[in-house]
């Protein structure tokens, strides 16, 4: 682990010293890259046209989830190989730590329900530089999809105050909960709302380990 002042150096677990860094550095360091989501389900990129028996020429410039979700040819192609789709989901509809927006759609066995693990993931990322959505990519899902959702909004940090350590976790970015509750005190509360937590971090010169 190493100390940093800028989240731009962040890639893996880090420690931030709020004596030399700002709360904004910490908040930005909590962001995750979209490949973290894909890695959480051991996603394996595969060819969308070969897998779903789609004519590539017909979809040139149209590999967008909002287009595909209502496209009869796409839906029929899935049905012909015993698959079905979920609705399009947008990361901006969730409270997440994602560094940039994404859209996604799960593909299931036609006899499955949405409580079962999907077979594939269609994933699309917003390109801020080009100011548009990148083309959809298809991934085979090799792990439990719950890991994907957990990565969207869940985060664990360890607050180091002198020799004491306090572990806080969030599952929605809006509320942080103390995990080692035997250490609860007037200073280290069991629950912190986001605004309250940001102020607490600003007022205390402590070290944060992002787990």
N, C-alpha and C. Protein backbone atom coordinates (compact mmCIF):
# COMPACT_ATOMS: atom_id res chain seq x y z
N UNK A 1 0.84 -1.18 0.00
CA UNK A 1 0.00 0.00 0.00
C UNK A 1 0.89 1.25 0.00
N UNK A 2 0.32 2.38 -0.45
CA UNK A 2 1.09 3.60 -0.50
C UNK A 2 0.18 4.79 -0.26
N UNK A 3 0.77 5.90 0.17
CA UNK A 3 0.02 7.11 0.40
C UNK A 3 -0.04 7.91 -0.89
N UNK A 4 -1.18 8.51 -1.17
CA UNK A 4 -1.31 9.31 -2.37
C UNK A 4 -2.03 10.60 -2.05
N UNK A 5 -1.88 11.58 -2.93
CA UNK A 5 -2.62 12.84 -2.81
C UNK A 5 -3.62 12.99 -3.94
N UNK A 6 -3.52 12.19 -4.96
CA UNK A 6 -4.43 12.30 -6.09
C UNK A 6 -4.98 10.94 -6.44
N UNK A 7 -6.29 10.89 -6.74
CA UNK A 7 -6.92 9.62 -7.08
C UNK A 7 -6.44 9.10 -8.42
N UNK A 8 -5.78 9.94 -9.21
CA UNK A 8 -5.33 9.52 -10.53
C UNK A 8 -4.30 8.40 -10.44
N UNK A 9 -3.63 8.29 -9.29
CA UNK A 9 -2.65 7.22 -9.10
C UNK A 9 -3.29 5.95 -8.59
N UNK A 10 -4.61 6.03 -8.34
CA UNK A 10 -5.31 4.90 -7.71
C UNK A 10 -5.60 3.79 -8.69
N UNK A 11 -5.26 2.58 -8.33
CA UNK A 11 -5.66 1.43 -9.13
C UNK A 11 -6.13 0.30 -8.22
N UNK A 12 -5.40 0.05 -7.13
CA UNK A 12 -5.78 -1.01 -6.21
C UNK A 12 -6.02 -0.42 -4.83
N UNK A 13 -6.00 -1.26 -3.80
CA UNK A 13 -6.21 -0.80 -2.44
C UNK A 13 -5.16 0.22 -2.05
N UNK A 14 -5.61 1.31 -1.40
CA UNK A 14 -4.70 2.39 -1.05
C UNK A 14 -5.01 2.88 0.36
N UNK A 15 -4.09 3.67 0.90
CA UNK A 15 -4.32 4.39 2.14
C UNK A 15 -4.25 5.88 1.83
N UNK A 16 -5.24 6.63 2.33
CA UNK A 16 -5.23 8.08 2.16
C UNK A 16 -5.10 8.71 3.54
N UNK A 17 -4.14 9.60 3.69
CA UNK A 17 -3.92 10.32 4.94
C UNK A 17 -4.62 11.67 4.83
N UNK A 18 -5.69 11.84 5.59
CA UNK A 18 -6.44 13.09 5.53
C UNK A 18 -5.72 14.25 6.21
N UNK A 19 -4.53 13.97 6.71
CA UNK A 19 -3.69 15.05 7.20
C UNK A 19 -2.98 15.75 6.06
N UNK A 20 -2.80 15.05 4.95
CA UNK A 20 -2.11 15.63 3.79
C UNK A 20 -2.96 15.62 2.53
N UNK A 21 -4.06 14.87 2.54
CA UNK A 21 -4.97 14.81 1.39
C UNK A 21 -6.33 15.38 1.79
N UNK A 22 -7.20 15.54 0.82
CA UNK A 22 -8.53 16.10 1.08
C UNK A 22 -9.59 15.01 1.04
N UNK A 23 -10.77 15.34 1.56
CA UNK A 23 -11.89 14.40 1.49
C UNK A 23 -12.26 14.15 0.04
N UNK A 24 -12.10 15.16 -0.81
CA UNK A 24 -12.39 14.98 -2.24
C UNK A 24 -11.48 13.93 -2.85
N UNK A 25 -10.21 13.92 -2.43
CA UNK A 25 -9.29 12.87 -2.89
C UNK A 25 -9.84 11.50 -2.52
N UNK A 26 -10.33 11.39 -1.29
CA UNK A 26 -10.88 10.11 -0.83
C UNK A 26 -12.11 9.72 -1.65
N UNK A 27 -13.05 10.64 -1.81
CA UNK A 27 -14.28 10.34 -2.51
C UNK A 27 -14.00 9.92 -3.95
N UNK A 28 -13.06 10.59 -4.58
CA UNK A 28 -12.72 10.23 -5.96
C UNK A 28 -12.00 8.89 -6.02
N UNK A 29 -11.25 8.58 -4.98
CA UNK A 29 -10.54 7.30 -4.93
C UNK A 29 -11.47 6.13 -4.71
N UNK A 30 -12.68 6.41 -4.20
CA UNK A 30 -13.67 5.35 -4.02
C UNK A 30 -14.27 4.91 -5.35
N UNK A 31 -14.12 5.75 -6.37
CA UNK A 31 -14.66 5.39 -7.68
C UNK A 31 -14.04 4.10 -8.20
N UNK A 32 -14.83 3.34 -8.94
CA UNK A 32 -14.32 2.12 -9.56
C UNK A 32 -14.42 2.23 -11.07
N UNK A 33 -13.55 1.53 -11.75
CA UNK A 33 -13.58 1.48 -13.21
C UNK A 33 -14.54 0.36 -13.63
N UNK A 34 -15.11 0.50 -14.82
CA UNK A 34 -16.11 -0.48 -15.24
C UNK A 34 -15.53 -1.88 -15.36
N UNK A 35 -14.22 -1.99 -15.60
CA UNK A 35 -13.64 -3.33 -15.71
C UNK A 35 -13.68 -4.07 -14.38
N UNK A 36 -13.81 -3.32 -13.27
CA UNK A 36 -13.98 -3.96 -11.97
C UNK A 36 -15.29 -4.72 -11.92
N UNK A 37 -16.34 -4.15 -12.51
CA UNK A 37 -17.63 -4.83 -12.59
C UNK A 37 -17.50 -6.11 -13.40
N UNK A 38 -16.85 -6.01 -14.54
CA UNK A 38 -16.70 -7.18 -15.41
C UNK A 38 -15.86 -8.26 -14.75
N UNK A 39 -14.81 -7.86 -14.07
CA UNK A 39 -13.96 -8.84 -13.39
C UNK A 39 -14.71 -9.55 -12.26
N UNK A 40 -15.68 -8.85 -11.65
CA UNK A 40 -16.40 -9.45 -10.53
C UNK A 40 -17.22 -10.67 -10.94
N UNK A 41 -17.57 -10.75 -12.21
CA UNK A 41 -18.32 -11.92 -12.71
C UNK A 41 -17.49 -12.74 -13.69
N UNK A 42 -16.17 -12.48 -13.67
CA UNK A 42 -15.25 -13.21 -14.55
C UNK A 42 -15.76 -13.17 -15.99
N UNK A 43 -16.13 -11.96 -16.44
CA UNK A 43 -16.74 -11.79 -17.76
C UNK A 43 -15.73 -12.07 -18.88
N UNK A 44 -16.18 -12.82 -19.84
CA UNK A 44 -15.34 -13.23 -20.98
C UNK A 44 -15.94 -12.64 -22.26
N UNK A 45 -15.23 -11.70 -22.89
CA UNK A 45 -15.78 -11.05 -24.08
C UNK A 45 -15.87 -12.05 -25.24
N UNK A 46 -17.02 -12.06 -25.90
CA UNK A 46 -17.24 -12.95 -27.04
C UNK A 46 -17.93 -12.16 -28.16
N UNK A 47 -17.98 -12.75 -29.33
CA UNK A 47 -18.51 -12.08 -30.51
C UNK A 47 -20.04 -12.09 -30.49
N UNK A 48 -20.64 -10.90 -30.52
CA UNK A 48 -22.09 -10.80 -30.43
C UNK A 48 -22.79 -11.36 -31.66
N UNK A 49 -22.18 -11.19 -32.83
CA UNK A 49 -22.82 -11.63 -34.07
C UNK A 49 -22.80 -13.16 -34.19
N UNK A 50 -21.67 -13.76 -33.87
CA UNK A 50 -21.58 -15.21 -33.93
C UNK A 50 -22.46 -15.88 -32.87
N UNK A 51 -22.44 -15.32 -31.68
CA UNK A 51 -23.17 -15.93 -30.56
C UNK A 51 -24.68 -15.87 -30.75
N UNK A 52 -25.17 -14.72 -31.21
CA UNK A 52 -26.62 -14.54 -31.34
C UNK A 52 -27.14 -14.69 -32.76
N UNK A 53 -26.25 -15.14 -33.68
CA UNK A 53 -26.64 -15.39 -35.07
C UNK A 53 -27.23 -14.14 -35.72
N UNK A 54 -26.51 -13.02 -35.56
CA UNK A 54 -26.96 -11.75 -36.11
C UNK A 54 -26.16 -11.38 -37.36
N UNK A 55 -26.81 -10.82 -38.38
CA UNK A 55 -26.08 -10.35 -39.56
C UNK A 55 -25.37 -9.04 -39.25
N UNK A 56 -24.06 -9.06 -39.28
CA UNK A 56 -23.26 -7.90 -38.87
C UNK A 56 -23.62 -6.64 -39.66
N UNK A 57 -23.83 -6.77 -40.95
CA UNK A 57 -24.11 -5.60 -41.79
C UNK A 57 -25.38 -4.88 -41.36
N UNK A 58 -26.35 -5.63 -40.87
CA UNK A 58 -27.63 -5.02 -40.48
C UNK A 58 -27.52 -4.19 -39.20
N UNK A 59 -26.44 -4.41 -38.45
CA UNK A 59 -26.32 -3.71 -37.16
C UNK A 59 -25.18 -2.70 -37.15
N UNK A 60 -24.64 -2.40 -38.30
CA UNK A 60 -23.57 -1.41 -38.37
C UNK A 60 -24.09 -0.05 -37.87
N UNK A 61 -23.42 0.50 -36.86
CA UNK A 61 -23.83 1.78 -36.29
C UNK A 61 -25.06 1.70 -35.41
N UNK A 62 -25.52 0.48 -35.11
CA UNK A 62 -26.75 0.32 -34.33
C UNK A 62 -26.55 -0.52 -33.06
N UNK A 63 -25.29 -0.73 -32.69
CA UNK A 63 -25.01 -1.54 -31.50
C UNK A 63 -25.19 -0.69 -30.25
N UNK A 64 -26.45 -0.35 -29.99
CA UNK A 64 -26.83 0.43 -28.82
C UNK A 64 -27.96 -0.30 -28.11
N UNK A 65 -27.89 -0.38 -26.80
CA UNK A 65 -28.87 -1.16 -26.06
C UNK A 65 -30.29 -0.62 -26.17
N UNK A 66 -30.43 0.69 -26.25
CA UNK A 66 -31.77 1.25 -26.40
C UNK A 66 -32.39 0.88 -27.75
N UNK A 67 -31.54 0.67 -28.75
CA UNK A 67 -32.03 0.20 -30.05
C UNK A 67 -32.33 -1.30 -30.01
N UNK A 68 -31.42 -2.06 -29.44
CA UNK A 68 -31.58 -3.52 -29.44
C UNK A 68 -32.78 -3.97 -28.64
N UNK A 69 -33.09 -3.28 -27.56
CA UNK A 69 -34.16 -3.75 -26.68
C UNK A 69 -35.52 -3.80 -27.36
N UNK A 70 -35.74 -2.97 -28.40
CA UNK A 70 -37.01 -2.97 -29.12
C UNK A 70 -36.90 -3.54 -30.53
N UNK A 71 -35.73 -4.05 -30.88
CA UNK A 71 -35.51 -4.54 -32.23
C UNK A 71 -36.04 -5.97 -32.38
N UNK A 72 -37.04 -6.14 -33.22
CA UNK A 72 -37.71 -7.44 -33.37
C UNK A 72 -36.75 -8.50 -33.89
N UNK A 73 -35.89 -8.13 -34.82
CA UNK A 73 -34.94 -9.10 -35.37
C UNK A 73 -34.01 -9.62 -34.27
N UNK A 74 -33.56 -8.72 -33.41
CA UNK A 74 -32.68 -9.11 -32.31
C UNK A 74 -33.42 -10.04 -31.34
N UNK A 75 -34.64 -9.67 -30.98
CA UNK A 75 -35.44 -10.47 -30.05
C UNK A 75 -35.73 -11.86 -30.63
N UNK A 76 -36.05 -11.89 -31.91
CA UNK A 76 -36.33 -13.17 -32.57
C UNK A 76 -35.08 -14.04 -32.67
N UNK A 77 -33.93 -13.40 -32.88
CA UNK A 77 -32.68 -14.16 -32.95
C UNK A 77 -32.38 -14.82 -31.61
N UNK A 78 -32.65 -14.10 -30.52
CA UNK A 78 -32.46 -14.69 -29.20
C UNK A 78 -33.41 -15.87 -28.99
N UNK A 79 -34.67 -15.67 -29.36
CA UNK A 79 -35.67 -16.74 -29.18
C UNK A 79 -35.30 -17.99 -29.96
N UNK A 80 -34.72 -17.79 -31.14
CA UNK A 80 -34.39 -18.92 -32.00
C UNK A 80 -33.30 -19.82 -31.41
N UNK A 81 -32.52 -19.27 -30.48
CA UNK A 81 -31.48 -20.07 -29.82
C UNK A 81 -31.79 -20.22 -28.32
N UNK A 82 -33.10 -20.13 -28.00
CA UNK A 82 -33.61 -20.39 -26.65
C UNK A 82 -33.04 -19.43 -25.61
N UNK A 83 -33.01 -18.13 -25.97
CA UNK A 83 -32.56 -17.11 -25.05
C UNK A 83 -33.59 -15.99 -24.96
N UNK A 84 -33.51 -15.19 -23.91
CA UNK A 84 -34.37 -14.02 -23.78
C UNK A 84 -33.57 -12.93 -23.06
N UNK A 85 -34.04 -11.70 -23.17
CA UNK A 85 -33.31 -10.56 -22.63
C UNK A 85 -34.01 -9.98 -21.40
N UNK A 86 -33.25 -9.22 -20.64
CA UNK A 86 -33.82 -8.42 -19.56
C UNK A 86 -34.10 -7.02 -20.10
N UNK A 87 -34.63 -6.17 -19.27
CA UNK A 87 -34.74 -4.76 -19.63
C UNK A 87 -33.36 -4.12 -19.59
N UNK A 88 -33.22 -3.00 -20.27
CA UNK A 88 -31.97 -2.24 -20.21
C UNK A 88 -31.88 -1.56 -18.84
N UNK A 89 -30.71 -1.66 -18.24
CA UNK A 89 -30.49 -1.02 -16.94
C UNK A 89 -29.38 0.02 -17.10
N UNK A 90 -29.58 1.17 -16.49
CA UNK A 90 -28.61 2.27 -16.58
C UNK A 90 -28.00 2.50 -15.21
N UNK A 91 -26.68 2.56 -15.15
CA UNK A 91 -26.01 2.73 -13.86
C UNK A 91 -26.42 4.03 -13.17
N UNK A 92 -26.87 5.01 -13.94
CA UNK A 92 -27.26 6.29 -13.34
C UNK A 92 -28.58 6.18 -12.58
N UNK A 93 -29.26 5.05 -12.73
CA UNK A 93 -30.49 4.81 -11.96
C UNK A 93 -30.18 4.20 -10.59
N UNK A 94 -28.90 3.92 -10.36
CA UNK A 94 -28.46 3.34 -9.09
C UNK A 94 -27.51 4.33 -8.40
N UNK A 95 -27.34 4.15 -7.10
CA UNK A 95 -26.29 4.88 -6.39
C UNK A 95 -25.03 4.04 -6.50
N UNK A 96 -24.06 4.54 -7.27
CA UNK A 96 -22.89 3.72 -7.56
C UNK A 96 -21.60 4.51 -7.35
N UNK A 97 -20.48 3.78 -7.39
CA UNK A 97 -19.15 4.39 -7.34
C UNK A 97 -18.48 4.36 -8.71
N UNK A 98 -19.25 4.12 -9.76
CA UNK A 98 -18.66 4.02 -11.10
C UNK A 98 -18.03 5.33 -11.54
N UNK A 99 -16.86 5.22 -12.19
CA UNK A 99 -16.15 6.40 -12.66
C UNK A 99 -16.83 7.02 -13.88
N UNK A 100 -17.59 6.23 -14.63
CA UNK A 100 -18.37 6.78 -15.75
C UNK A 100 -19.59 5.90 -15.99
N UNK A 101 -20.65 6.48 -16.54
CA UNK A 101 -21.92 5.74 -16.69
C UNK A 101 -21.78 4.53 -17.61
N UNK A 102 -22.67 3.57 -17.38
CA UNK A 102 -22.76 2.42 -18.27
C UNK A 102 -24.21 1.98 -18.36
N UNK A 103 -24.53 1.25 -19.42
CA UNK A 103 -25.83 0.60 -19.58
C UNK A 103 -25.57 -0.89 -19.73
N UNK A 104 -26.52 -1.71 -19.28
CA UNK A 104 -26.31 -3.14 -19.40
C UNK A 104 -27.63 -3.88 -19.52
N UNK A 105 -27.55 -5.05 -20.13
CA UNK A 105 -28.70 -5.92 -20.33
C UNK A 105 -28.23 -7.35 -20.12
N UNK A 106 -28.99 -8.11 -19.37
CA UNK A 106 -28.65 -9.52 -19.15
C UNK A 106 -29.43 -10.40 -20.13
N UNK A 107 -28.80 -11.50 -20.54
CA UNK A 107 -29.41 -12.47 -21.43
C UNK A 107 -29.52 -13.80 -20.69
N UNK A 108 -30.75 -14.33 -20.66
CA UNK A 108 -31.05 -15.54 -19.90
C UNK A 108 -31.46 -16.69 -20.82
N UNK A 109 -31.32 -17.91 -20.30
CA UNK A 109 -31.96 -19.05 -20.92
C UNK A 109 -33.47 -18.78 -20.95
N UNK A 110 -34.11 -19.16 -22.03
CA UNK A 110 -35.51 -18.80 -22.22
C UNK A 110 -36.42 -19.36 -21.13
N UNK A 111 -36.01 -20.42 -20.47
CA UNK A 111 -36.82 -21.02 -19.42
C UNK A 111 -36.45 -20.53 -18.02
N UNK A 112 -35.50 -19.62 -17.95
CA UNK A 112 -35.05 -19.10 -16.65
C UNK A 112 -35.91 -17.93 -16.22
N UNK A 113 -35.89 -17.64 -14.92
CA UNK A 113 -36.46 -16.39 -14.44
C UNK A 113 -35.31 -15.47 -14.04
N UNK A 114 -35.59 -14.22 -13.75
CA UNK A 114 -34.54 -13.26 -13.50
C UNK A 114 -33.92 -13.37 -12.11
N UNK A 115 -34.36 -14.35 -11.34
CA UNK A 115 -33.70 -14.65 -10.08
C UNK A 115 -32.53 -15.61 -10.28
N UNK A 116 -32.52 -16.24 -11.45
CA UNK A 116 -31.43 -17.16 -11.78
C UNK A 116 -30.28 -16.40 -12.44
N UNK A 117 -29.13 -17.05 -12.47
CA UNK A 117 -27.96 -16.39 -13.04
C UNK A 117 -28.09 -16.28 -14.56
N UNK A 118 -27.85 -15.08 -15.11
CA UNK A 118 -27.91 -14.94 -16.57
C UNK A 118 -26.71 -15.61 -17.24
N UNK A 119 -26.86 -15.88 -18.52
CA UNK A 119 -25.78 -16.52 -19.28
C UNK A 119 -24.81 -15.49 -19.85
N UNK A 120 -25.36 -14.33 -20.25
CA UNK A 120 -24.56 -13.32 -20.93
C UNK A 120 -24.87 -11.92 -20.39
N UNK A 121 -23.94 -11.02 -20.66
CA UNK A 121 -24.10 -9.62 -20.32
C UNK A 121 -23.80 -8.78 -21.56
N UNK A 122 -24.74 -7.91 -21.93
CA UNK A 122 -24.49 -6.89 -22.94
C UNK A 122 -24.16 -5.60 -22.20
N UNK A 123 -23.02 -5.00 -22.52
CA UNK A 123 -22.49 -3.90 -21.71
C UNK A 123 -22.07 -2.74 -22.61
N UNK A 124 -22.42 -1.54 -22.19
CA UNK A 124 -22.15 -0.35 -22.99
C UNK A 124 -21.66 0.77 -22.07
N UNK A 125 -20.61 1.48 -22.48
CA UNK A 125 -19.97 2.49 -21.66
C UNK A 125 -20.07 3.87 -22.32
N UNK A 126 -20.30 4.89 -21.52
CA UNK A 126 -20.35 6.26 -22.02
C UNK A 126 -18.93 6.78 -22.24
N UNK A 127 -18.68 7.29 -23.44
CA UNK A 127 -17.38 7.86 -23.78
C UNK A 127 -17.49 9.38 -23.65
N UNK A 128 -16.92 9.91 -22.58
CA UNK A 128 -17.04 11.35 -22.31
C UNK A 128 -16.32 12.18 -23.35
N UNK A 129 -15.19 11.69 -23.84
CA UNK A 129 -14.41 12.43 -24.83
C UNK A 129 -15.19 12.61 -26.13
N UNK A 130 -15.83 11.52 -26.59
CA UNK A 130 -16.60 11.57 -27.84
C UNK A 130 -18.04 12.01 -27.61
N UNK A 131 -18.43 12.10 -26.33
CA UNK A 131 -19.79 12.51 -25.96
C UNK A 131 -20.85 11.60 -26.58
N UNK A 132 -20.60 10.29 -26.48
CA UNK A 132 -21.56 9.32 -26.99
C UNK A 132 -21.32 7.96 -26.35
N UNK A 133 -22.29 7.07 -26.51
CA UNK A 133 -22.14 5.71 -26.02
C UNK A 133 -21.26 4.90 -26.98
N UNK A 134 -20.35 4.12 -26.41
CA UNK A 134 -19.56 3.21 -27.23
C UNK A 134 -20.44 2.04 -27.67
N UNK A 135 -19.97 1.29 -28.66
CA UNK A 135 -20.72 0.13 -29.12
C UNK A 135 -20.88 -0.90 -28.01
N UNK A 136 -22.00 -1.59 -28.05
CA UNK A 136 -22.26 -2.68 -27.10
C UNK A 136 -21.22 -3.78 -27.25
N UNK A 137 -20.81 -4.34 -26.12
CA UNK A 137 -19.96 -5.53 -26.13
C UNK A 137 -20.69 -6.65 -25.41
N UNK A 138 -20.43 -7.87 -25.84
CA UNK A 138 -21.07 -9.05 -25.25
C UNK A 138 -20.06 -9.84 -24.42
N UNK A 139 -20.52 -10.25 -23.23
CA UNK A 139 -19.66 -11.02 -22.33
C UNK A 139 -20.39 -12.27 -21.84
N UNK A 140 -19.66 -13.36 -21.76
CA UNK A 140 -20.16 -14.57 -21.12
C UNK A 140 -19.93 -14.43 -19.63
N UNK A 141 -20.96 -14.71 -18.83
CA UNK A 141 -20.87 -14.57 -17.38
C UNK A 141 -20.43 -15.90 -16.76
N UNK A 142 -19.34 -15.84 -15.98
CA UNK A 142 -18.79 -17.07 -15.39
C UNK A 142 -18.84 -17.09 -13.86
N UNK A 143 -19.46 -16.06 -13.26
CA UNK A 143 -19.60 -16.01 -11.80
C UNK A 143 -21.00 -15.53 -11.45
N UNK A 144 -21.33 -15.59 -10.17
CA UNK A 144 -22.64 -15.16 -9.70
C UNK A 144 -22.85 -13.67 -9.99
N UNK A 145 -23.95 -13.33 -10.62
CA UNK A 145 -24.21 -11.95 -11.02
C UNK A 145 -24.40 -11.04 -9.81
N UNK A 146 -24.67 -11.60 -8.64
CA UNK A 146 -24.79 -10.77 -7.43
C UNK A 146 -23.50 -10.01 -7.15
N UNK A 147 -22.38 -10.58 -7.55
CA UNK A 147 -21.09 -9.89 -7.37
C UNK A 147 -21.07 -8.58 -8.17
N UNK A 148 -21.70 -8.59 -9.32
CA UNK A 148 -21.78 -7.42 -10.18
C UNK A 148 -22.52 -6.29 -9.46
N UNK A 149 -23.67 -6.61 -8.90
CA UNK A 149 -24.47 -5.60 -8.21
C UNK A 149 -23.78 -5.11 -6.93
N UNK A 150 -23.11 -6.01 -6.26
CA UNK A 150 -22.39 -5.62 -5.05
C UNK A 150 -21.30 -4.61 -5.36
N UNK A 151 -20.61 -4.79 -6.47
CA UNK A 151 -19.56 -3.86 -6.86
C UNK A 151 -20.09 -2.49 -7.24
N UNK A 152 -21.32 -2.44 -7.74
CA UNK A 152 -21.90 -1.17 -8.16
C UNK A 152 -21.94 -0.16 -7.02
N UNK A 153 -22.42 -0.58 -5.86
CA UNK A 153 -22.63 0.39 -4.79
C UNK A 153 -21.98 0.06 -3.47
N UNK A 154 -21.36 -1.11 -3.36
CA UNK A 154 -20.78 -1.52 -2.08
C UNK A 154 -19.32 -1.08 -1.96
N UNK A 155 -18.94 -0.69 -0.76
CA UNK A 155 -17.56 -0.28 -0.52
C UNK A 155 -17.25 -0.48 0.95
N UNK A 156 -16.02 -0.87 1.25
CA UNK A 156 -15.56 -1.03 2.62
C UNK A 156 -14.30 -0.21 2.83
N UNK A 157 -14.28 0.55 3.92
CA UNK A 157 -13.08 1.31 4.26
C UNK A 157 -12.70 1.02 5.70
N UNK A 158 -11.43 1.18 5.98
CA UNK A 158 -10.91 1.03 7.34
C UNK A 158 -10.36 2.38 7.78
N UNK A 159 -10.93 2.93 8.85
CA UNK A 159 -10.47 4.20 9.38
C UNK A 159 -9.42 3.92 10.45
N UNK A 160 -8.25 4.51 10.29
CA UNK A 160 -7.14 4.29 11.22
C UNK A 160 -6.97 5.56 12.06
N UNK A 161 -7.31 5.46 13.33
CA UNK A 161 -7.23 6.59 14.25
C UNK A 161 -6.22 6.24 15.34
N UNK A 162 -5.00 6.73 15.16
CA UNK A 162 -3.89 6.38 16.04
C UNK A 162 -3.68 4.86 15.96
N UNK A 163 -3.95 4.12 17.04
CA UNK A 163 -3.76 2.67 17.00
C UNK A 163 -5.07 1.91 16.82
N UNK A 164 -6.18 2.64 16.82
CA UNK A 164 -7.49 2.00 16.66
C UNK A 164 -7.91 1.96 15.20
N UNK A 165 -8.67 0.92 14.86
CA UNK A 165 -9.15 0.76 13.49
C UNK A 165 -10.66 0.53 13.51
N UNK A 166 -11.36 1.23 12.63
CA UNK A 166 -12.81 1.16 12.54
C UNK A 166 -13.19 0.84 11.10
N UNK A 167 -13.95 -0.22 10.93
CA UNK A 167 -14.34 -0.65 9.58
C UNK A 167 -15.76 -0.20 9.29
N UNK A 168 -15.91 0.56 8.21
CA UNK A 168 -17.22 1.03 7.77
C UNK A 168 -17.53 0.48 6.38
N UNK A 169 -18.79 0.20 6.16
CA UNK A 169 -19.22 -0.37 4.88
C UNK A 169 -20.49 0.31 4.41
N UNK A 170 -20.61 0.47 3.09
CA UNK A 170 -21.83 0.98 2.50
C UNK A 170 -22.28 0.05 1.39
N UNK A 171 -23.58 -0.04 1.20
CA UNK A 171 -24.12 -0.85 0.10
C UNK A 171 -24.91 0.02 -0.87
N UNK A 172 -24.97 1.33 -0.58
CA UNK A 172 -25.76 2.22 -1.44
C UNK A 172 -25.16 3.60 -1.62
N UNK A 173 -23.96 3.82 -1.10
CA UNK A 173 -23.21 5.09 -1.14
C UNK A 173 -23.79 6.16 -0.23
N UNK A 174 -24.98 5.97 0.33
CA UNK A 174 -25.63 7.02 1.10
C UNK A 174 -25.54 6.83 2.61
N UNK A 175 -25.24 5.62 3.05
CA UNK A 175 -25.16 5.36 4.48
C UNK A 175 -24.01 4.40 4.76
N UNK A 176 -23.16 4.80 5.71
CA UNK A 176 -22.02 3.99 6.11
C UNK A 176 -22.30 3.36 7.47
N UNK A 177 -22.02 2.06 7.61
CA UNK A 177 -22.33 1.32 8.83
C UNK A 177 -21.06 0.75 9.43
N UNK A 178 -20.89 0.96 10.73
CA UNK A 178 -19.74 0.42 11.44
C UNK A 178 -19.87 -1.10 11.54
N UNK A 179 -18.82 -1.81 11.14
CA UNK A 179 -18.86 -3.28 11.15
C UNK A 179 -18.38 -3.86 12.48
N UNK A 180 -17.33 -3.31 13.05
CA UNK A 180 -16.88 -3.78 14.37
C UNK A 180 -17.59 -2.92 15.43
N UNK A 181 -18.86 -3.26 15.66
CA UNK A 181 -19.75 -2.42 16.45
C UNK A 181 -19.34 -2.31 17.92
N UNK A 182 -18.46 -3.17 18.38
CA UNK A 182 -17.99 -3.06 19.76
C UNK A 182 -17.16 -1.80 19.96
N UNK A 183 -16.75 -1.16 18.85
CA UNK A 183 -15.95 0.07 18.92
C UNK A 183 -16.81 1.33 18.79
N UNK A 184 -18.12 1.16 18.74
CA UNK A 184 -19.01 2.32 18.61
C UNK A 184 -18.79 3.30 19.76
N UNK A 185 -18.80 4.60 19.42
CA UNK A 185 -18.62 5.65 20.43
C UNK A 185 -19.32 6.91 19.94
N UNK A 186 -19.26 7.96 20.74
CA UNK A 186 -19.86 9.23 20.32
C UNK A 186 -19.18 9.76 19.07
N UNK A 187 -17.90 9.49 18.94
CA UNK A 187 -17.14 9.95 17.77
C UNK A 187 -17.34 9.02 16.59
N UNK A 188 -17.17 7.73 16.82
CA UNK A 188 -17.32 6.74 15.76
C UNK A 188 -18.69 6.08 15.90
N UNK A 189 -19.67 6.69 15.23
CA UNK A 189 -21.06 6.26 15.35
C UNK A 189 -21.30 4.97 14.60
N UNK A 190 -22.39 4.32 14.98
CA UNK A 190 -22.76 3.08 14.29
C UNK A 190 -23.17 3.35 12.86
N UNK A 191 -23.87 4.48 12.64
CA UNK A 191 -24.32 4.85 11.30
C UNK A 191 -23.92 6.28 10.99
N UNK A 192 -23.50 6.50 9.75
CA UNK A 192 -23.26 7.84 9.24
C UNK A 192 -24.01 8.01 7.93
N UNK A 193 -24.82 9.07 7.81
CA UNK A 193 -25.34 9.44 6.51
C UNK A 193 -24.23 10.11 5.71
N UNK A 194 -24.37 10.16 4.39
CA UNK A 194 -23.28 10.61 3.52
C UNK A 194 -22.76 12.00 3.89
N UNK A 195 -23.66 12.97 4.02
CA UNK A 195 -23.23 14.35 4.32
C UNK A 195 -22.55 14.40 5.68
N UNK A 196 -23.11 13.69 6.64
CA UNK A 196 -22.55 13.64 7.98
C UNK A 196 -21.17 12.99 7.97
N UNK A 197 -21.04 11.94 7.15
CA UNK A 197 -19.77 11.22 7.08
C UNK A 197 -18.69 12.08 6.43
N UNK A 198 -19.07 12.82 5.38
CA UNK A 198 -18.11 13.71 4.72
C UNK A 198 -17.60 14.77 5.70
N UNK A 199 -18.50 15.31 6.50
CA UNK A 199 -18.10 16.31 7.48
C UNK A 199 -17.20 15.70 8.55
N UNK A 200 -17.54 14.50 9.00
CA UNK A 200 -16.72 13.80 9.99
C UNK A 200 -15.30 13.61 9.47
N UNK A 201 -15.18 13.22 8.22
CA UNK A 201 -13.86 12.99 7.64
C UNK A 201 -13.09 14.30 7.49
N UNK A 202 -13.79 15.37 7.15
CA UNK A 202 -13.14 16.68 7.00
C UNK A 202 -12.62 17.20 8.33
N UNK A 203 -13.33 16.88 9.42
CA UNK A 203 -12.99 17.43 10.73
C UNK A 203 -11.93 16.62 11.47
N UNK A 204 -11.58 15.46 10.94
CA UNK A 204 -10.64 14.59 11.64
C UNK A 204 -9.46 14.21 10.75
N UNK A 205 -8.28 14.39 11.27
CA UNK A 205 -7.06 14.07 10.52
C UNK A 205 -6.72 12.59 10.75
N UNK A 206 -7.37 11.74 9.96
CA UNK A 206 -7.21 10.30 10.13
C UNK A 206 -6.75 9.69 8.83
N UNK A 207 -6.42 8.43 8.88
CA UNK A 207 -5.99 7.70 7.69
C UNK A 207 -7.12 6.74 7.28
N UNK A 208 -7.30 6.62 5.98
CA UNK A 208 -8.36 5.77 5.43
C UNK A 208 -7.73 4.70 4.54
N UNK A 209 -8.02 3.47 4.86
CA UNK A 209 -7.61 2.36 3.99
C UNK A 209 -8.81 1.91 3.19
N UNK A 210 -8.76 2.08 1.86
CA UNK A 210 -9.84 1.64 1.00
C UNK A 210 -9.63 0.17 0.68
N UNK A 211 -10.51 -0.66 1.17
CA UNK A 211 -10.32 -2.11 1.05
C UNK A 211 -10.91 -2.62 -0.26
